[in-house]
C-alpha atoms as a PDB file:
ATOM      1  CA  MET A   1     -18.872  21.762 -27.488  1.00  0.00           C
ATOM      2  CA  ASP A   2     -19.368  25.333 -28.532  1.00  0.00           C
ATOM      3  CA  LYS A   3     -16.846  26.907 -26.205  1.00  0.00           C
ATOM      4  CA  THR A   4     -13.442  25.543 -25.260  1.00  0.00           C
ATOM      5  CA  GLU A   5     -13.163  25.596 -21.490  1.00  0.00           C
ATOM      6  CA  HIS A   6     -10.041  23.472 -21.176  1.00  0.00           C
ATOM      7  CA  THR A   7      -6.433  24.507 -21.621  1.00  0.00           C
ATOM      8  CA  PRO A   8      -5.751  24.408 -25.356  1.00  0.00           C
ATOM      9  CA  GLY A   9      -3.391  21.789 -26.749  1.00  0.00           C
ATOM     10  CA  PRO A  10      -0.985  20.534 -27.579  1.00  0.00           C
ATOM     11  CA  TRP A  11      -0.207  19.026 -24.209  1.00  0.00           C
ATOM     12  CA  ASN A  12       3.240  17.591 -23.527  1.00  0.00           C
ATOM     13  CA  VAL A  13       4.579  14.781 -21.329  1.00  0.00           C
ATOM     14  CA  THR A  14       7.708  15.001 -19.198  1.00  0.00           C
ATOM     15  CA  ALA A  15       9.347  12.526 -16.813  1.00  0.00           C
ATOM     16  CA  ILE A  16       9.358  13.659 -13.177  1.00  0.00           C
ATOM     17  CA  GLY A  17      12.566  13.375 -11.154  1.00  0.00           C
ATOM     18  CA  ASN A  18      14.578  10.172 -11.088  1.00  0.00           C
ATOM     19  CA  ASN A  19      11.493   7.954 -11.150  1.00  0.00           C
ATOM     20  CA  TYR A  20      10.876   7.663 -14.871  1.00  0.00           C
ATOM     21  CA  ASP A  21       7.534   5.938 -14.401  1.00  0.00           C
ATOM     22  CA  HIS A  22       6.027   9.171 -13.045  1.00  0.00           C
ATOM     23  CA  HIS A  23       5.159  11.818 -15.598  1.00  0.00           C
ATOM     24  CA  GLY A  24       3.775  15.328 -15.696  1.00  0.00           C
ATOM     25  CA  ILE A  25       1.579  16.831 -18.374  1.00  0.00           C
ATOM     26  CA  TYR A  26       1.843  20.482 -19.299  1.00  0.00           C
ATOM     27  CA  ALA A  27       0.771  22.924 -21.992  1.00  0.00           C
ATOM     28  CA  ASP A  28       2.918  25.637 -23.538  1.00  0.00           C
ATOM     29  CA  GLU A  29      -0.050  27.992 -23.741  1.00  0.00           C
ATOM     30  CA  GLY A  30      -2.708  28.833 -21.235  1.00  0.00           C
ATOM     31  CA  PRO A  31      -3.272  30.958 -18.151  1.00  0.00           C
ATOM     32  CA  CYS A  32       0.413  30.789 -17.096  1.00  0.00           C
ATOM     33  CA  ALA A  33       2.922  32.323 -19.483  1.00  0.00           C
ATOM     34  CA  GLN A  34       5.657  29.807 -18.579  1.00  0.00           C
ATOM     35  CA  GLY A  35       3.485  26.771 -19.268  1.00  0.00           C
ATOM     36  CA  THR A  36       0.475  25.308 -17.546  1.00  0.00           C
ATOM     37  CA  ASP A  37       0.481  22.128 -15.484  1.00  0.00           C
ATOM     38  CA  ILE A  38      -2.366  19.939 -16.639  1.00  0.00           C
ATOM     39  CA  CYS A  39      -1.540  17.094 -14.289  1.00  0.00           C
ATOM     40  CA  ASN A  40       1.342  16.944 -11.822  1.00  0.00           C
ATOM     41  CA  THR A  41       1.792  13.181 -11.520  1.00  0.00           C
ATOM     42  CA  VAL A  42       0.668  10.384 -13.811  1.00  0.00           C
ATOM     43  CA  TYR A  43       1.861   6.831 -13.282  1.00  0.00           C
ATOM     44  CA  GLY A  44       3.051   5.212 -16.505  1.00  0.00           C
ATOM     45  CA  ALA A  45       4.151   6.695 -19.803  1.00  0.00           C
ATOM     46  CA  ALA A  46       1.216   5.190 -21.717  1.00  0.00           C
ATOM     47  CA  ASN A  47      -1.296   6.814 -19.338  1.00  0.00           C
ATOM     48  CA  ALA A  48       0.506  10.143 -19.644  1.00  0.00           C
ATOM     49  CA  ARG A  49       0.485   9.983 -23.451  1.00  0.00           C
ATOM     50  CA  LEU A  50      -3.236   9.182 -23.463  1.00  0.00           C
ATOM     51  CA  ILE A  51      -4.041  12.158 -21.226  1.00  0.00           C
ATOM     52  CA  ALA A  52      -1.752  14.437 -23.241  1.00  0.00           C
ATOM     53  CA  ALA A  53      -3.628  13.459 -26.423  1.00  0.00           C
ATOM     54  CA  ALA A  54      -6.952  14.639 -24.953  1.00  0.00           C
ATOM     55  CA  PRO A  55      -7.223  17.931 -26.912  1.00  0.00           C
ATOM     56  CA  GLU A  56      -6.609  16.181 -30.234  1.00  0.00           C
ATOM     57  CA  LEU A  57      -8.962  13.306 -29.335  1.00  0.00           C
ATOM     58  CA  LEU A  58     -11.648  15.827 -28.381  1.00  0.00           C
ATOM     59  CA  ALA A  59     -11.248  17.632 -31.704  1.00  0.00           C
ATOM     60  CA  ALA A  60     -11.532  14.325 -33.594  1.00  0.00           C
ATOM     61  CA  LEU A  61     -14.702  13.349 -31.709  1.00  0.00           C
ATOM     62  CA  GLU A  62     -16.237  16.745 -32.432  1.00  0.00           C
ATOM     63  CA  GLN A  63     -15.541  16.310 -36.151  1.00  0.00           C
ATOM     64  CA  ILE A  64     -17.027  12.796 -36.180  1.00  0.00           C
ATOM     65  CA  ALA A  65     -20.116  13.886 -34.229  1.00  0.00           C
ATOM     66  CA  GLU A  66     -20.757  16.797 -36.595  1.00  0.00           C
ATOM     67  CA  HIS A  67     -19.989  14.942 -39.832  1.00  0.00           C
ATOM     68  CA  GLU A  68     -22.886  14.736 -42.234  1.00  0.00           C
ATOM     69  CA  TYR A  69     -22.860  11.813 -44.604  1.00  0.00           C
ATOM     70  CA  ARG A  70     -23.610  12.915 -48.132  1.00  0.00           C
ATOM     71  CA  ALA A  71     -24.145  10.113 -50.604  1.00  0.00           C
ATOM     72  CA  ASP A  72     -23.595  10.616 -54.268  1.00  0.00           C
ATOM     73  CA  ARG A  73     -23.768   8.192 -57.176  1.00  0.00           C
ATOM     74  CA  ARG A  74     -20.100   7.212 -56.863  1.00  0.00           C
ATOM     75  CA  HIS A  75     -20.464   6.087 -53.231  1.00  0.00           C
ATOM     76  CA  ARG A  76     -23.881   4.434 -53.178  1.00  0.00           C
ATOM     77  CA  GLY A  77     -23.673   1.056 -51.552  1.00  0.00           C
ATOM     78  CA  MET A  78     -20.095   1.623 -50.356  1.00  0.00           C
ATOM     79  CA  VAL A  79     -20.919   3.207 -47.008  1.00  0.00           C
ATOM     80  CA  ASP A  80     -23.352   1.855 -44.441  1.00  0.00           C
ATOM     81  CA  VAL A  81     -25.321   4.917 -43.336  1.00  0.00           C
ATOM     82  CA  GLU A  82     -26.505   3.133 -40.166  1.00  0.00           C
ATOM     83  CA  GLU A  83     -22.895   2.390 -39.249  1.00  0.00           C
ATOM     84  CA  VAL A  84     -21.947   6.038 -39.761  1.00  0.00           C
ATOM     85  CA  GLU A  85     -24.844   7.101 -37.518  1.00  0.00           C
ATOM     86  CA  THR A  86     -23.766   4.569 -34.867  1.00  0.00           C
ATOM     87  CA  LEU A  87     -20.263   6.043 -34.876  1.00  0.00           C
ATOM     88  CA  ARG A  88     -21.702   9.541 -34.571  1.00  0.00           C
ATOM     89  CA  ARG A  89     -23.803   8.434 -31.555  1.00  0.00           C
ATOM     90  CA  ILE A  90     -20.697   6.938 -29.907  1.00  0.00           C
ATOM     91  CA  ALA A  91     -18.766  10.162 -30.503  1.00  0.00           C
ATOM     92  CA  ARG A  92     -21.616  12.264 -29.087  1.00  0.00           C
ATOM     93  CA  ALA A  93     -21.788  10.049 -25.969  1.00  0.00           C
ATOM     94  CA  ALA A  94     -18.057  10.516 -25.395  1.00  0.00           C
ATOM     95  CA  LEU A  95     -18.409  14.265 -25.904  1.00  0.00           C
ATOM     96  CA  ALA A  96     -21.224  14.328 -23.353  1.00  0.00           C
ATOM     97  CA  LEU A  97     -18.796  12.917 -20.783  1.00  0.00           C
ATOM     98  CA  VAL A  98     -16.475  15.835 -21.471  1.00  0.00           C
ATOM     99  CA  GLU A  99     -19.251  18.414 -21.343  1.00  0.00           C
ATOM    100  CA  LYS A 100     -21.184  17.093 -18.324  1.00  0.00           C
ATOM    101  CA  GLY A 101     -18.699  14.824 -16.567  1.00  0.00           C
ATOM    102  CA  ALA A 102     -18.976  11.106 -15.985  1.00  0.00           C
END
């Protein structure tokens, strides 16, 4: 992705009200100076943490997709180039979901 169109991270998780299985996700920076709601209600802390990790996961996928394997004499035979390319294809497919939607 050349241009970031989403609210920049980090995103944070907070419990909503007295029901601690409902969570909100917000960002400290973005269009609203007081914080930006990313998602008002998420059921389950694990789901909320996964969504809140989205900016960092996106950045990791972008790095994997753009990584160029450079072999030198010290690493010959230690890395499976086909496996690296497979991982890059998987990362690009996930990035395509972000760019184009599912």
